[in-house]
Amino acid sequence: MKFKLTLLAFVLCNLVGAQLPKGFSYVESVIPSIKVELRYLSDNNFVGKRIDGYITEKAILSTPATMALKKVQEELKAYDLSIMIYDSYRPQQAVDHFMRWARDLNDTINKHRFYPDVAKRHLFKEEYIATRSGHSRGSTLDITLVDLSTCEALDMGSPYDFFGMESWVNNKDLTPQQRANRMLLQSVMLKHGFRNYPKEWWHFTLRAEPFPDTYFNFPVQ
């Protein structure tokens, strides 16, 4: 009897933990074939440590953004490709973490990998760091294209979250294959209702986002 009660409590706790605000969805529940590697859950990011608010590797988006992304994924299957999500919904507490990090000019552990040509004190001015992020509204995501079977990422000409002109969508200093890979990602996302951010080839926001003025702070869990 005690075991049954303990098991019931475990199940109930997980159900409560899995609840999302109305209008949000777990992306993998809707798109099982999609790939997820939340960089801010690890130390593989420009800060160099796990970011506040990321508890588990669950991609979360507004339900309209999730449904639009499902159409993208279905089209990409014809090319044996998949979306890989590096970031989706981002709580405000994570943005606050970025702000604290950006103000500590002595913390440059990953500068050589992510912003070698940008002075850390200029990250605000050049709009790589901001006090608010569209991610916190729930309809913005950072993605790339990967092989559907192997998860090997296509060459986009610069790493994800690289701060510099190399990451600009219209960067001309690319090989023909890199340019083609970027063009495919841009075209399929724009076709299905997303708009891009010119300085980041990986960054897209649903045009008709349902929460354009709301910045959420519930954790990624």
N, C-alpha and C. Protein backbone atom coordinates (compact mmCIF):
# COMPACT_ATOMS: atom_id res chain seq x y z
N MET A 1 0.83 -1.20 0.00
CA MET A 1 0.00 0.00 0.00
C MET A 1 0.87 1.26 0.00
N LYS A 2 1.93 1.21 0.84
CA LYS A 2 2.82 2.36 0.91
C LYS A 2 3.49 2.61 -0.44
N PHE A 3 3.88 1.52 -1.14
CA PHE A 3 4.51 1.64 -2.45
C PHE A 3 3.56 2.29 -3.44
N LYS A 4 2.27 1.88 -3.41
CA LYS A 4 1.29 2.42 -4.33
C LYS A 4 1.07 3.91 -4.10
N LEU A 5 1.04 4.31 -2.82
CA LEU A 5 0.86 5.72 -2.51
C LEU A 5 2.06 6.54 -2.97
N THR A 6 3.27 5.98 -2.78
CA THR A 6 4.48 6.67 -3.21
C THR A 6 4.50 6.83 -4.72
N LEU A 7 4.12 5.77 -5.44
CA LEU A 7 4.07 5.83 -6.89
C LEU A 7 3.05 6.86 -7.36
N LEU A 8 1.88 6.90 -6.69
CA LEU A 8 0.85 7.87 -7.06
C LEU A 8 1.36 9.30 -6.84
N ALA A 9 2.05 9.52 -5.74
CA ALA A 9 2.59 10.84 -5.46
C ALA A 9 3.60 11.25 -6.52
N PHE A 10 4.43 10.27 -6.95
CA PHE A 10 5.42 10.56 -7.99
C PHE A 10 4.76 10.98 -9.29
N VAL A 11 3.72 10.22 -9.67
CA VAL A 11 3.01 10.52 -10.92
C VAL A 11 2.35 11.88 -10.84
N LEU A 12 1.70 12.19 -9.71
CA LEU A 12 1.03 13.47 -9.56
C LEU A 12 2.02 14.63 -9.61
N CYS A 13 3.17 14.46 -8.99
CA CYS A 13 4.18 15.52 -9.00
C CYS A 13 4.67 15.79 -10.41
N ASN A 14 4.84 14.73 -11.19
CA ASN A 14 5.30 14.91 -12.56
C ASN A 14 4.24 15.54 -13.42
N LEU A 15 2.97 15.22 -13.16
CA LEU A 15 1.90 15.85 -13.92
C LEU A 15 1.81 17.34 -13.63
N VAL A 16 1.97 17.69 -12.36
CA VAL A 16 1.93 19.09 -11.98
C VAL A 16 3.11 19.84 -12.60
N GLY A 17 4.30 19.19 -12.58
CA GLY A 17 5.49 19.82 -13.13
C GLY A 17 5.41 20.00 -14.63
N ALA A 18 4.56 19.19 -15.28
CA ALA A 18 4.48 19.24 -16.74
C ALA A 18 3.48 20.27 -17.24
N GLN A 19 2.78 20.93 -16.33
CA GLN A 19 1.78 21.90 -16.74
C GLN A 19 2.45 23.15 -17.29
N LEU A 20 1.87 23.68 -18.35
CA LEU A 20 2.35 24.91 -18.96
C LEU A 20 1.24 25.95 -18.92
N PRO A 21 1.59 27.22 -19.01
CA PRO A 21 0.55 28.25 -19.13
C PRO A 21 -0.31 27.99 -20.36
N LYS A 22 -1.53 28.42 -20.31
CA LYS A 22 -2.44 28.25 -21.43
C LYS A 22 -1.85 28.91 -22.68
N GLY A 23 -1.90 28.18 -23.78
CA GLY A 23 -1.39 28.73 -25.03
C GLY A 23 0.01 28.28 -25.36
N PHE A 24 0.62 27.42 -24.50
CA PHE A 24 1.98 26.92 -24.74
C PHE A 24 1.94 25.40 -24.94
N SER A 25 2.95 24.89 -25.64
CA SER A 25 3.05 23.45 -25.89
C SER A 25 4.49 22.99 -25.76
N TYR A 26 4.64 21.71 -25.39
CA TYR A 26 5.93 21.06 -25.49
C TYR A 26 6.12 20.65 -26.94
N VAL A 27 7.16 21.15 -27.59
CA VAL A 27 7.32 20.97 -29.03
C VAL A 27 7.43 19.50 -29.41
N GLU A 28 8.18 18.71 -28.65
CA GLU A 28 8.39 17.31 -29.01
C GLU A 28 7.11 16.48 -28.88
N SER A 29 6.18 16.94 -28.06
CA SER A 29 4.90 16.23 -27.96
C SER A 29 4.08 16.38 -29.24
N VAL A 30 4.28 17.49 -29.93
CA VAL A 30 3.54 17.76 -31.17
C VAL A 30 4.34 17.32 -32.39
N ILE A 31 5.67 17.43 -32.30
CA ILE A 31 6.55 17.09 -33.43
C ILE A 31 7.59 16.08 -32.94
N PRO A 32 7.25 14.81 -32.85
CA PRO A 32 8.16 13.81 -32.27
C PRO A 32 9.50 13.68 -32.99
N SER A 33 9.55 13.99 -34.27
CA SER A 33 10.79 13.80 -35.03
C SER A 33 11.78 14.95 -34.88
N ILE A 34 11.38 16.03 -34.23
CA ILE A 34 12.25 17.20 -34.13
C ILE A 34 13.40 16.92 -33.17
N LYS A 35 14.52 17.62 -33.38
CA LYS A 35 15.70 17.43 -32.54
C LYS A 35 15.86 18.63 -31.60
N VAL A 36 16.33 18.35 -30.40
CA VAL A 36 16.46 19.41 -29.39
C VAL A 36 17.81 19.29 -28.69
N GLU A 37 18.53 20.40 -28.62
CA GLU A 37 19.78 20.48 -27.87
C GLU A 37 19.85 21.88 -27.26
N LEU A 38 19.24 22.04 -26.10
CA LEU A 38 19.18 23.36 -25.47
C LEU A 38 20.56 23.75 -24.96
N ARG A 39 21.19 24.69 -25.65
CA ARG A 39 22.56 25.08 -25.30
C ARG A 39 22.65 25.77 -23.94
N TYR A 40 21.56 26.42 -23.50
CA TYR A 40 21.63 27.14 -22.23
C TYR A 40 21.37 26.23 -21.03
N LEU A 41 21.12 24.95 -21.31
CA LEU A 41 21.04 23.96 -20.23
C LEU A 41 22.42 23.41 -19.90
N SER A 42 23.41 23.73 -20.72
CA SER A 42 24.77 23.23 -20.55
C SER A 42 25.74 24.39 -20.44
N ASP A 43 27.05 24.07 -20.46
CA ASP A 43 28.05 25.14 -20.47
C ASP A 43 28.54 25.43 -21.88
N ASN A 44 27.91 24.84 -22.89
CA ASN A 44 28.29 25.05 -24.28
C ASN A 44 27.57 26.28 -24.83
N ASN A 45 27.92 27.44 -24.30
CA ASN A 45 27.30 28.70 -24.71
C ASN A 45 28.25 29.85 -24.39
N PHE A 46 27.88 31.05 -24.79
CA PHE A 46 28.80 32.18 -24.65
C PHE A 46 29.07 32.57 -23.21
N VAL A 47 28.18 32.21 -22.28
CA VAL A 47 28.42 32.49 -20.87
C VAL A 47 29.39 31.46 -20.28
N GLY A 48 29.27 30.22 -20.71
CA GLY A 48 30.15 29.17 -20.23
C GLY A 48 29.62 28.39 -19.05
N LYS A 49 28.32 28.54 -18.76
CA LYS A 49 27.70 27.78 -17.67
C LYS A 49 26.20 27.66 -17.93
N ARG A 50 25.53 26.77 -17.19
CA ARG A 50 24.08 26.63 -17.34
C ARG A 50 23.41 27.95 -16.94
N ILE A 51 22.38 28.30 -17.71
CA ILE A 51 21.71 29.58 -17.51
C ILE A 51 20.48 29.41 -16.61
N ASP A 52 20.24 30.40 -15.77
CA ASP A 52 19.11 30.36 -14.84
C ASP A 52 17.80 30.10 -15.59
N GLY A 53 16.96 29.24 -15.02
CA GLY A 53 15.63 28.99 -15.58
C GLY A 53 15.55 27.77 -16.48
N TYR A 54 16.70 27.18 -16.82
CA TYR A 54 16.71 25.96 -17.64
C TYR A 54 16.90 24.75 -16.73
N ILE A 55 15.83 23.97 -16.56
CA ILE A 55 15.84 22.84 -15.63
C ILE A 55 15.98 21.51 -16.36
N THR A 56 15.24 21.34 -17.45
CA THR A 56 15.29 20.12 -18.24
C THR A 56 15.32 20.46 -19.72
N GLU A 57 15.72 19.49 -20.53
CA GLU A 57 15.82 19.73 -21.98
C GLU A 57 14.46 19.54 -22.64
N LYS A 58 13.61 20.54 -22.46
CA LYS A 58 12.28 20.54 -23.04
C LYS A 58 12.11 21.81 -23.87
N ALA A 59 11.89 21.64 -25.17
CA ALA A 59 11.62 22.80 -26.02
C ALA A 59 10.17 23.20 -25.86
N ILE A 60 9.94 24.46 -25.51
CA ILE A 60 8.60 24.99 -25.26
C ILE A 60 8.38 26.17 -26.20
N LEU A 61 7.19 26.22 -26.81
CA LEU A 61 6.81 27.35 -27.65
C LEU A 61 5.32 27.62 -27.47
N SER A 62 4.89 28.79 -27.89
CA SER A 62 3.45 29.02 -27.96
C SER A 62 2.86 27.98 -28.90
N THR A 63 1.61 27.64 -28.67
CA THR A 63 0.98 26.61 -29.51
C THR A 63 0.93 27.01 -30.97
N PRO A 64 0.59 28.26 -31.33
CA PRO A 64 0.63 28.63 -32.76
C PRO A 64 2.02 28.48 -33.38
N ALA A 65 3.06 28.85 -32.65
CA ALA A 65 4.42 28.70 -33.17
C ALA A 65 4.77 27.22 -33.34
N THR A 66 4.32 26.40 -32.41
CA THR A 66 4.56 24.96 -32.51
C THR A 66 3.89 24.38 -33.74
N MET A 67 2.65 24.78 -34.00
CA MET A 67 1.92 24.25 -35.16
C MET A 67 2.55 24.72 -36.47
N ALA A 68 3.04 25.95 -36.50
CA ALA A 68 3.74 26.44 -37.70
C ALA A 68 5.04 25.68 -37.91
N LEU A 69 5.74 25.42 -36.82
CA LEU A 69 7.00 24.67 -36.92
C LEU A 69 6.76 23.24 -37.38
N LYS A 70 5.64 22.68 -37.03
CA LYS A 70 5.30 21.33 -37.49
C LYS A 70 5.23 21.28 -39.01
N LYS A 71 4.69 22.32 -39.63
CA LYS A 71 4.63 22.38 -41.09
C LYS A 71 6.04 22.46 -41.69
N VAL A 72 6.92 23.20 -41.02
CA VAL A 72 8.31 23.29 -41.46
C VAL A 72 8.95 21.91 -41.43
N GLN A 73 8.78 21.21 -40.32
CA GLN A 73 9.39 19.89 -40.16
C GLN A 73 8.86 18.91 -41.20
N GLU A 74 7.58 18.97 -41.47
CA GLU A 74 7.00 18.06 -42.47
C GLU A 74 7.59 18.31 -43.85
N GLU A 75 7.84 19.58 -44.19
CA GLU A 75 8.43 19.88 -45.49
C GLU A 75 9.88 19.43 -45.56
N LEU A 76 10.61 19.59 -44.46
CA LEU A 76 12.02 19.23 -44.46
C LEU A 76 12.25 17.72 -44.57
N LYS A 77 11.27 16.93 -44.17
CA LYS A 77 11.41 15.47 -44.27
C LYS A 77 11.67 15.03 -45.70
N ALA A 78 11.16 15.78 -46.66
CA ALA A 78 11.38 15.44 -48.06
C ALA A 78 12.85 15.53 -48.44
N TYR A 79 13.63 16.30 -47.67
CA TYR A 79 15.07 16.43 -47.89
C TYR A 79 15.88 15.57 -46.92
N ASP A 80 15.20 14.72 -46.15
CA ASP A 80 15.84 13.93 -45.09
C ASP A 80 16.54 14.83 -44.08
N LEU A 81 15.90 15.97 -43.80
CA LEU A 81 16.44 16.92 -42.85
C LEU A 81 15.46 17.14 -41.70
N SER A 82 15.99 17.73 -40.64
CA SER A 82 15.18 18.06 -39.48
C SER A 82 15.62 19.40 -38.92
N ILE A 83 14.72 20.06 -38.24
CA ILE A 83 15.08 21.21 -37.41
C ILE A 83 15.78 20.71 -36.14
N MET A 84 16.83 21.39 -35.75
CA MET A 84 17.45 21.22 -34.44
C MET A 84 17.21 22.50 -33.66
N ILE A 85 16.57 22.38 -32.50
CA ILE A 85 16.27 23.55 -31.67
C ILE A 85 17.39 23.75 -30.65
N TYR A 86 18.04 24.90 -30.73
CA TYR A 86 19.06 25.27 -29.75
C TYR A 86 18.46 26.09 -28.60
N ASP A 87 17.41 26.83 -28.89
CA ASP A 87 16.70 27.57 -27.85
C ASP A 87 15.31 27.88 -28.37
N SER A 88 14.35 27.92 -27.46
CA SER A 88 12.97 28.25 -27.85
C SER A 88 12.44 29.25 -26.82
N TYR A 89 11.40 28.89 -26.08
CA TYR A 89 10.97 29.79 -25.00
C TYR A 89 12.11 29.98 -24.02
N ARG A 90 12.35 31.22 -23.61
CA ARG A 90 13.42 31.57 -22.68
C ARG A 90 12.85 32.41 -21.55
N PRO A 91 12.90 31.94 -20.31
CA PRO A 91 12.33 32.73 -19.21
C PRO A 91 13.09 34.03 -18.98
N GLN A 92 12.40 35.03 -18.44
CA GLN A 92 13.03 36.32 -18.17
C GLN A 92 14.21 36.18 -17.22
N GLN A 93 14.16 35.21 -16.32
CA GLN A 93 15.27 35.01 -15.39
C GLN A 93 16.55 34.63 -16.13
N ALA A 94 16.42 33.96 -17.28
CA ALA A 94 17.60 33.66 -18.10
C ALA A 94 18.16 34.93 -18.73
N VAL A 95 17.27 35.79 -19.21
CA VAL A 95 17.71 37.07 -19.77
C VAL A 95 18.41 37.90 -18.71
N ASP A 96 17.87 37.88 -17.48
CA ASP A 96 18.51 38.60 -16.37
C ASP A 96 19.91 38.05 -16.10
N HIS A 97 20.05 36.73 -16.24
CA HIS A 97 21.37 36.10 -16.08
C HIS A 97 22.33 36.63 -17.13
N PHE A 98 21.89 36.73 -18.38
CA PHE A 98 22.72 37.30 -19.44
C PHE A 98 23.14 38.73 -19.09
N MET A 99 22.21 39.49 -18.54
CA MET A 99 22.50 40.89 -18.20
C MET A 99 23.60 40.98 -17.15
N ARG A 100 23.49 40.16 -16.11
CA ARG A 100 24.52 40.17 -15.06
C ARG A 100 25.87 39.79 -15.64
N TRP A 101 25.87 38.76 -16.50
CA TRP A 101 27.11 38.31 -17.11
C TRP A 101 27.72 39.41 -17.97
N ALA A 102 26.91 40.09 -18.75
CA ALA A 102 27.41 41.11 -19.68
C ALA A 102 28.04 42.28 -18.94
N ARG A 103 27.56 42.55 -17.74
CA ARG A 103 28.11 43.68 -16.97
C ARG A 103 29.43 43.33 -16.28
N ASP A 104 29.73 42.05 -16.17
CA ASP A 104 30.99 41.62 -15.58
C ASP A 104 32.03 41.54 -16.69
N LEU A 105 32.74 42.62 -16.94
CA LEU A 105 33.64 42.70 -18.08
C LEU A 105 34.85 41.79 -17.95
N ASN A 106 35.09 41.26 -16.75
CA ASN A 106 36.24 40.38 -16.54
C ASN A 106 35.93 38.92 -16.87
N ASP A 107 34.65 38.59 -17.02
CA ASP A 107 34.26 37.21 -17.31
C ASP A 107 34.19 37.03 -18.83
N THR A 108 35.28 36.57 -19.40
CA THR A 108 35.36 36.41 -20.86
C THR A 108 35.85 35.00 -21.23
N ILE A 109 35.44 34.01 -20.45
CA ILE A 109 35.96 32.66 -20.61
C ILE A 109 35.73 32.10 -22.01
N ASN A 110 34.62 32.44 -22.66
CA ASN A 110 34.32 31.90 -23.99
C ASN A 110 34.38 32.94 -25.10
N LYS A 111 35.08 34.03 -24.85
CA LYS A 111 35.17 35.09 -25.87
C LYS A 111 35.78 34.57 -27.17
N HIS A 112 36.81 33.75 -27.08
CA HIS A 112 37.49 33.27 -28.28
C HIS A 112 36.59 32.43 -29.17
N ARG A 113 35.55 31.83 -28.60
CA ARG A 113 34.66 30.97 -29.37
C ARG A 113 33.44 31.70 -29.91
N PHE A 114 32.92 32.66 -29.16
CA PHE A 114 31.63 33.24 -29.50
C PHE A 114 31.65 34.73 -29.88
N TYR A 115 32.63 35.49 -29.42
CA TYR A 115 32.68 36.92 -29.79
C TYR A 115 34.12 37.42 -29.84
N PRO A 116 34.96 36.77 -30.65
CA PRO A 116 36.38 37.11 -30.68
C PRO A 116 36.67 38.53 -31.16
N ASP A 117 35.80 39.09 -31.99
CA ASP A 117 36.06 40.40 -32.58
C ASP A 117 35.16 41.51 -32.02
N VAL A 118 34.42 41.19 -30.96
CA VAL A 118 33.52 42.18 -30.35
C VAL A 118 33.94 42.37 -28.89
N ALA A 119 34.20 43.60 -28.51
CA ALA A 119 34.52 43.89 -27.11
C ALA A 119 33.29 43.63 -26.25
N LYS A 120 33.47 42.98 -25.13
CA LYS A 120 32.32 42.64 -24.30
C LYS A 120 31.53 43.88 -23.90
N ARG A 121 32.19 44.98 -23.68
CA ARG A 121 31.47 46.20 -23.27
C ARG A 121 30.57 46.74 -24.38
N HIS A 122 30.73 46.24 -25.60
CA HIS A 122 29.92 46.69 -26.72
C HIS A 122 28.76 45.75 -27.06
N LEU A 123 28.58 44.70 -26.28
CA LEU A 123 27.53 43.72 -26.60
C LEU A 123 26.14 44.33 -26.53
N PHE A 124 25.92 45.27 -25.61
CA PHE A 124 24.62 45.95 -25.53
C PHE A 124 24.43 46.86 -26.74
N LYS A 125 25.46 47.69 -27.02
CA LYS A 125 25.36 48.68 -28.09
C LYS A 125 25.13 48.01 -29.45
N GLU A 126 25.75 46.87 -29.65
CA GLU A 126 25.61 46.17 -30.92
C GLU A 126 24.43 45.19 -30.94
N GLU A 127 23.62 45.24 -29.88
CA GLU A 127 22.34 44.52 -29.81
C GLU A 127 22.49 43.00 -29.81
N TYR A 128 23.59 42.51 -29.24
CA TYR A 128 23.72 41.07 -29.04
C TYR A 128 23.11 40.66 -27.69
N ILE A 129 23.08 41.59 -26.75
CA ILE A 129 22.48 41.39 -25.43
C ILE A 129 21.47 42.51 -25.20
N ALA A 130 20.29 42.16 -24.65
CA ALA A 130 19.26 43.16 -24.38
C ALA A 130 18.53 42.82 -23.09
N THR A 131 17.86 43.82 -22.52
CA THR A 131 17.15 43.61 -21.26
C THR A 131 15.89 42.76 -21.43
N ARG A 132 15.36 42.70 -22.64
CA ARG A 132 14.20 41.87 -22.96
C ARG A 132 14.51 41.05 -24.20
N SER A 133 13.94 39.86 -24.26
CA SER A 133 14.15 39.00 -25.41
C SER A 133 12.82 38.53 -25.97
N GLY A 134 12.71 38.49 -27.30
CA GLY A 134 11.52 37.94 -27.92
C GLY A 134 11.29 36.50 -27.54
N HIS A 135 12.35 35.79 -27.17
CA HIS A 135 12.19 34.39 -26.73
C HIS A 135 11.24 34.29 -25.54
N SER A 136 11.25 35.28 -24.69
CA SER A 136 10.41 35.23 -23.48
C SER A 136 8.93 35.41 -23.79
N ARG A 137 8.60 35.82 -25.00
CA ARG A 137 7.21 35.92 -25.41
C ARG A 137 6.68 34.58 -25.92
N GLY A 138 7.59 33.62 -26.13
CA GLY A 138 7.17 32.26 -26.40
C GLY A 138 7.06 31.85 -27.85
N SER A 139 7.32 32.76 -28.79
CA SER A 139 7.16 32.42 -30.20
C SER A 139 8.43 32.64 -31.01
N THR A 140 9.55 32.73 -30.33
CA THR A 140 10.85 32.90 -30.99
C THR A 140 11.70 31.68 -30.69
N LEU A 141 12.48 31.26 -31.69
CA LEU A 141 13.33 30.10 -31.50
C LEU A 141 14.62 30.25 -32.29
N ASP A 142 15.66 29.55 -31.80
CA ASP A 142 16.97 29.50 -32.45
C ASP A 142 17.17 28.09 -32.96
N ILE A 143 17.47 27.95 -34.26
CA ILE A 143 17.48 26.62 -34.86
C ILE A 143 18.58 26.49 -35.92
N THR A 144 18.82 25.26 -36.32
CA THR A 144 19.62 24.97 -37.49
C THR A 144 19.00 23.77 -38.18
N LEU A 145 19.64 23.33 -39.27
CA LEU A 145 19.21 22.14 -39.99
C LEU A 145 20.19 21.02 -39.73
N VAL A 146 19.66 19.81 -39.52
CA VAL A 146 20.51 18.64 -39.31
C VAL A 146 19.99 17.48 -40.16
N ASP A 147 20.87 16.52 -40.40
CA ASP A 147 20.46 15.28 -41.06
C ASP A 147 19.45 14.57 -40.17
N LEU A 148 18.34 14.15 -40.74
CA LEU A 148 17.26 13.56 -39.96
C LEU A 148 17.70 12.30 -39.23
N SER A 149 18.59 11.53 -39.84
CA SER A 149 19.01 10.25 -39.25
C SER A 149 20.21 10.39 -38.32
N THR A 150 21.20 11.18 -38.71
CA THR A 150 22.45 11.25 -37.95
C THR A 150 22.53 12.43 -37.00
N CYS A 151 21.66 13.42 -37.17
CA CYS A 151 21.69 14.67 -36.40
C CYS A 151 22.92 15.52 -36.70
N GLU A 152 23.64 15.20 -37.75
CA GLU A 152 24.79 16.02 -38.12
C GLU A 152 24.31 17.36 -38.68
N ALA A 153 24.85 18.44 -38.14
CA ALA A 153 24.41 19.78 -38.53
C ALA A 153 24.96 20.17 -39.88
N LEU A 154 24.14 20.86 -40.67
CA LEU A 154 24.60 21.42 -41.94
C LEU A 154 25.52 22.61 -41.66
N ASP A 155 26.46 22.83 -42.54
CA ASP A 155 27.42 23.92 -42.39
C ASP A 155 26.75 25.24 -42.76
N MET A 156 26.59 26.12 -41.79
CA MET A 156 25.95 27.41 -42.01
C MET A 156 26.94 28.57 -42.10
N GLY A 157 28.22 28.27 -42.02
CA GLY A 157 29.21 29.32 -42.19
C GLY A 157 29.66 30.01 -40.92
N SER A 158 28.95 29.80 -39.84
CA SER A 158 29.37 30.28 -38.52
C SER A 158 28.64 29.45 -37.48
N PRO A 159 29.22 29.33 -36.28
CA PRO A 159 28.54 28.56 -35.22
C PRO A 159 27.30 29.29 -34.71
N TYR A 160 26.45 28.54 -34.05
CA TYR A 160 25.30 29.14 -33.37
C TYR A 160 25.78 30.08 -32.27
N ASP A 161 25.12 31.21 -32.14
CA ASP A 161 25.42 32.22 -31.13
C ASP A 161 26.78 32.88 -31.31
N PHE A 162 27.29 32.87 -32.54
CA PHE A 162 28.54 33.58 -32.81
C PHE A 162 28.20 35.05 -33.07
N PHE A 163 28.78 35.95 -32.25
CA PHE A 163 28.50 37.38 -32.36
C PHE A 163 29.47 38.01 -33.36
N GLY A 164 28.95 38.32 -34.54
CA GLY A 164 29.80 38.94 -35.55
C GLY A 164 29.13 38.92 -36.91
N MET A 165 29.73 39.62 -37.86
CA MET A 165 29.16 39.72 -39.20
C MET A 165 29.05 38.36 -39.89
N GLU A 166 29.89 37.41 -39.48
CA GLU A 166 29.83 36.08 -40.07
C GLU A 166 28.46 35.44 -39.91
N SER A 167 27.71 35.86 -38.88
CA SER A 167 26.40 35.27 -38.61
C SER A 167 25.25 36.03 -39.24
N TRP A 168 25.53 37.17 -39.86
CA TRP A 168 24.47 37.93 -40.49
C TRP A 168 23.87 37.13 -41.63
N VAL A 169 22.57 37.19 -41.78
CA VAL A 169 21.88 36.39 -42.79
C VAL A 169 22.44 36.66 -44.18
N ASN A 170 22.75 37.91 -44.48
CA ASN A 170 23.19 38.28 -45.83
C ASN A 170 24.71 38.34 -45.97
N ASN A 171 25.42 37.70 -45.06
CA ASN A 171 26.87 37.64 -45.17
C ASN A 171 27.26 37.01 -46.51
N LYS A 172 28.13 37.68 -47.26
CA LYS A 172 28.52 37.22 -48.59
C LYS A 172 29.76 36.32 -48.57
N ASP A 173 30.46 36.32 -47.47
CA ASP A 173 31.71 35.55 -47.39
C ASP A 173 31.41 34.10 -47.00
N LEU A 174 30.71 33.39 -47.89
CA LEU A 174 30.29 32.02 -47.65
C LEU A 174 30.63 31.16 -48.86
N THR A 175 30.78 29.88 -48.63
CA THR A 175 30.92 28.97 -49.76
C THR A 175 29.55 28.78 -50.40
N PRO A 176 29.50 28.30 -51.63
CA PRO A 176 28.19 28.03 -52.25
C PRO A 176 27.32 27.10 -51.42
N GLN A 177 27.91 26.08 -50.79
CA GLN A 177 27.12 25.16 -49.99
C GLN A 177 26.58 25.82 -48.73
N GLN A 178 27.40 26.62 -48.07
CA GLN A 178 26.94 27.34 -46.88
C GLN A 178 25.80 28.29 -47.24
N ARG A 179 25.93 28.97 -48.36
CA ARG A 179 24.89 29.89 -48.80
C ARG A 179 23.59 29.13 -49.11
N ALA A 180 23.71 27.98 -49.74
CA ALA A 180 22.53 27.17 -50.05
C ALA A 180 21.86 26.67 -48.79
N ASN A 181 22.65 26.28 -47.80
CA ASN A 181 22.09 25.79 -46.53
C ASN A 181 21.32 26.89 -45.81
N ARG A 182 21.89 28.08 -45.79
CA ARG A 182 21.21 29.21 -45.16
C ARG A 182 19.93 29.56 -45.91
N MET A 183 20.01 29.53 -47.23
CA MET A 183 18.86 29.89 -48.05
C MET A 183 17.71 28.91 -47.81
N LEU A 184 18.03 27.63 -47.69
CA LEU A 184 16.99 26.63 -47.44
C LEU A 184 16.32 26.89 -46.09
N LEU A 185 17.11 27.12 -45.05
CA LEU A 185 16.55 27.38 -43.73
C LEU A 185 15.68 28.63 -43.74
N GLN A 186 16.20 29.70 -44.34
CA GLN A 186 15.45 30.95 -44.38
C GLN A 186 14.15 30.81 -45.16
N SER A 187 14.22 30.17 -46.31
CA SER A 187 13.04 30.09 -47.18
C SER A 187 11.93 29.25 -46.56
N VAL A 188 12.28 28.13 -45.94
CA VAL A 188 11.24 27.27 -45.39
C VAL A 188 10.61 27.90 -44.15
N MET A 189 11.39 28.61 -43.37
CA MET A 189 10.83 29.27 -42.18
C MET A 189 9.94 30.44 -42.56
N LEU A 190 10.40 31.26 -43.51
CA LEU A 190 9.59 32.40 -43.93
C LEU A 190 8.30 31.93 -44.61
N LYS A 191 8.38 30.84 -45.34
CA LYS A 191 7.21 30.29 -46.02
C LYS A 191 6.10 29.94 -45.05
N HIS A 192 6.48 29.48 -43.85
CA HIS A 192 5.49 29.00 -42.89
C HIS A 192 5.22 29.99 -41.76
N GLY A 193 5.43 31.27 -42.03
CA GLY A 193 4.93 32.30 -41.12
C GLY A 193 5.91 32.88 -40.13
N PHE A 194 7.19 32.58 -40.27
CA PHE A 194 8.20 33.15 -39.37
C PHE A 194 8.95 34.28 -40.06
N ARG A 195 9.46 35.22 -39.28
CA ARG A 195 10.33 36.27 -39.79
C ARG A 195 11.71 36.07 -39.17
N ASN A 196 12.73 36.51 -39.88
CA ASN A 196 14.08 36.29 -39.38
C ASN A 196 14.62 37.53 -38.66
N TYR A 197 15.80 37.36 -38.07
CA TYR A 197 16.56 38.48 -37.49
C TYR A 197 17.82 38.61 -38.32
N PRO A 198 18.03 39.72 -38.99
CA PRO A 198 19.11 39.84 -39.98
C PRO A 198 20.51 39.55 -39.46
N LYS A 199 20.74 39.74 -38.16
CA LYS A 199 22.09 39.55 -37.62
C LYS A 199 22.35 38.13 -37.12
N GLU A 200 21.33 37.26 -37.18
CA GLU A 200 21.49 35.89 -36.67
C GLU A 200 20.77 34.92 -37.61
N TRP A 201 21.51 34.12 -38.36
CA TRP A 201 20.87 33.22 -39.33
C TRP A 201 19.97 32.18 -38.66
N TRP A 202 20.13 31.95 -37.38
CA TRP A 202 19.41 30.91 -36.65
C TRP A 202 18.12 31.40 -35.97
N HIS A 203 17.85 32.67 -35.97
CA HIS A 203 16.83 33.29 -35.11
C HIS A 203 15.56 33.61 -35.90
N PHE A 204 14.40 33.08 -35.42
CA PHE A 204 13.13 33.29 -36.10
C PHE A 204 12.01 33.55 -35.09
N THR A 205 11.06 34.38 -35.49
CA THR A 205 9.89 34.69 -34.66
C THR A 205 8.62 34.53 -35.48
N LEU A 206 7.62 33.92 -34.90
CA LEU A 206 6.33 33.79 -35.58
C LEU A 206 5.75 35.18 -35.83
N ARG A 207 5.35 35.45 -37.06
CA ARG A 207 4.83 36.77 -37.40
C ARG A 207 3.58 37.13 -36.59
N ALA A 208 2.67 36.21 -36.49
CA ALA A 208 1.42 36.47 -35.74
C ALA A 208 1.54 35.88 -34.34
N GLU A 209 2.57 36.28 -33.62
CA GLU A 209 2.78 35.71 -32.28
C GLU A 209 1.63 36.08 -31.35
N PRO A 210 1.18 35.12 -30.52
CA PRO A 210 -0.02 35.36 -29.71
C PRO A 210 0.20 36.22 -28.47
N PHE A 211 1.46 36.39 -28.02
CA PHE A 211 1.73 37.17 -26.81
C PHE A 211 2.77 38.25 -27.11
N PRO A 212 2.46 39.20 -27.99
CA PRO A 212 3.46 40.17 -28.44
C PRO A 212 3.94 41.14 -27.37
N ASP A 213 3.19 41.27 -26.28
CA ASP A 213 3.55 42.25 -25.25
C ASP A 213 3.79 41.61 -23.88
N THR A 214 3.87 40.28 -23.83
CA THR A 214 4.01 39.58 -22.55
C THR A 214 5.35 38.84 -22.51
N TYR A 215 6.10 39.07 -21.43
CA TYR A 215 7.38 38.41 -21.23
C TYR A 215 7.24 37.46 -20.04
N PHE A 216 7.28 36.17 -20.33
CA PHE A 216 7.00 35.15 -19.32
C PHE A 216 8.28 34.79 -18.54
N ASN A 217 8.06 34.19 -17.37
CA ASN A 217 9.22 33.85 -16.52
C ASN A 217 9.11 32.46 -15.93
N PHE A 218 8.20 31.64 -16.39
CA PHE A 218 8.15 30.27 -15.86
C PHE A 218 9.36 29.48 -16.37
N PRO A 219 9.91 28.57 -15.55
CA PRO A 219 11.13 27.86 -15.96
C PRO A 219 10.90 26.87 -17.08
N VAL A 220 11.97 26.49 -17.73
CA VAL A 220 11.94 25.44 -18.75
C VAL A 220 12.06 24.12 -18.02
N GLN A 221 10.94 23.44 -17.87
CA GLN A 221 10.93 22.16 -17.15
C GLN A 221 9.72 21.34 -17.56
